Amino acid sequence: MKIHILLNKENIFQVQIDNLGEMTSYNIENWKSVDIKKKFYFVYLKKIPLIIYKILNNINIIKPIDILYLARKDIKKNYERKKSFYFLSKKKYTIIKPVKPKLNLNFDKNLNEKFIVFIDQNLNHRDSIIRGYELNIKEQKKYFYMINEYLSSLKKIYNKKIVICLHPSSNIGLYKKNLKRMKIVKHRTDYFLSRAFVVVFHDSSSILSAILQKKRIIQLTYSNLGKLTVDRGKIYQKYFDFYNEDLNLFKNINKKRLSTKLNSKLKNYTNFLKKIFFIEDKYKDINDELIIEINKFKNKNIIDKLN
C-alpha cells in the first residue's frame, strides 16, 4: 500500500511486462481445481484484494499502470472488451502494447537433434500442494517408475539420450535417486530444447520455445498429479492439439505410428501460434519496446532542461 501511494504521489512511470505467454486460466487455477474450503481461501487471496485495488484506483489513491506489454492476443481482447458498468471503473492499464512472446529464438538450426528431452514441472509443485494435491512417497515412486518406463521406451526406439530438464523448484536429489540412468540438469532447458529430437512434458511454459523450433512434442497425462496439472495440460491440448499419451494406459510404443503422428502435428504449430501470440514481424520484442520508452524519457528530460 505504501509503495502504491508513493508511486502515485511522485507520479512514477510504471510498466508491467507479461511476455512469457503462459497458458493459464484464473478459473482453473483458483476455482475449478480446488475444493470448497480452498475456494473461499482463493477468493480471499485473489478476488478481495482485486476489488480493493479497483476501488483505490477509482478514487486516485492508486495510479494506473502506464503500459502493459502483452504477448497474448486473446488476453488483449479480453482487457479491451467493455464490461458491465465499465464507465464506473478506471482502467488498470493506460496503454496495452503487443510484444513478441519471450521464446528462445537464438537456436542454431544446424544443431544435431540428439536428445529426448523431458521438461519437468515438479511433481509436488507448491501451486499443486496449496490446492490439496501432493504425492506421498509411495505415489512418487509409482510416478518415477512410469516416467522411467515411458522415457526408456522412447530411448530404445529412437536411440537418443534422455535428458530431464528440472523445474527450478524441483529436488534434484529426489530425481537422481529415482531416475539413475538419465541425465538430469537444472537451468539448461533452452540449451537442450534446441538439441531435442522429441520433447516430452505435462505442463510447462517452456514448451512454447519447443513449438517455435518445430520440435516433435508428446504431452503426457497422469491423473495422480492432481486436477490442477491435468486441467492446465488440457489448455495446451485445446490450443495446440499435441500428441497425447496417458501414463496410466501406456503399454508400448509403435515407432512408425508415433513418428507419423508427431510429424503430422508439426505442420499446424505456426498457425496455432499466430492465433494466440503476437509473433508476426511487425511486432517488437520487449527489449526493443523498452529502449523506445527509455529514449522518450531521455529526450523529455533534455527538453525540460533546455526550457
Foldseek 3Di string as FASTA:
>chain_A
DVVQQVCLVVVPAAEAEAQLLFLDDCCLLQPVFADPVSNVVSCVVPVVVVVVVFVCCLVSSGPAHAEYEHWWPVVVVVLPDQDPPSVSTDRNYNYYAYAHHDAPPPFDLPAAQQEAEEEEPALADPSQVSRPADDDPVRVLVVLVLVLVVVVQVCVVVVGAYEYEYDPPHDVVVNCVSNVRHHYDYPCVSVNLSNHQEYEYQGDSNVLNNLVSLHQYEHEDECSSGSSSNVNSVSCCVLQVHHYDYSVPDDHDDVVVSVVRRNVSSVCSVVSCVNTTDPDPVHHHPVVVVVVVVVVVVVVVVVVVVD
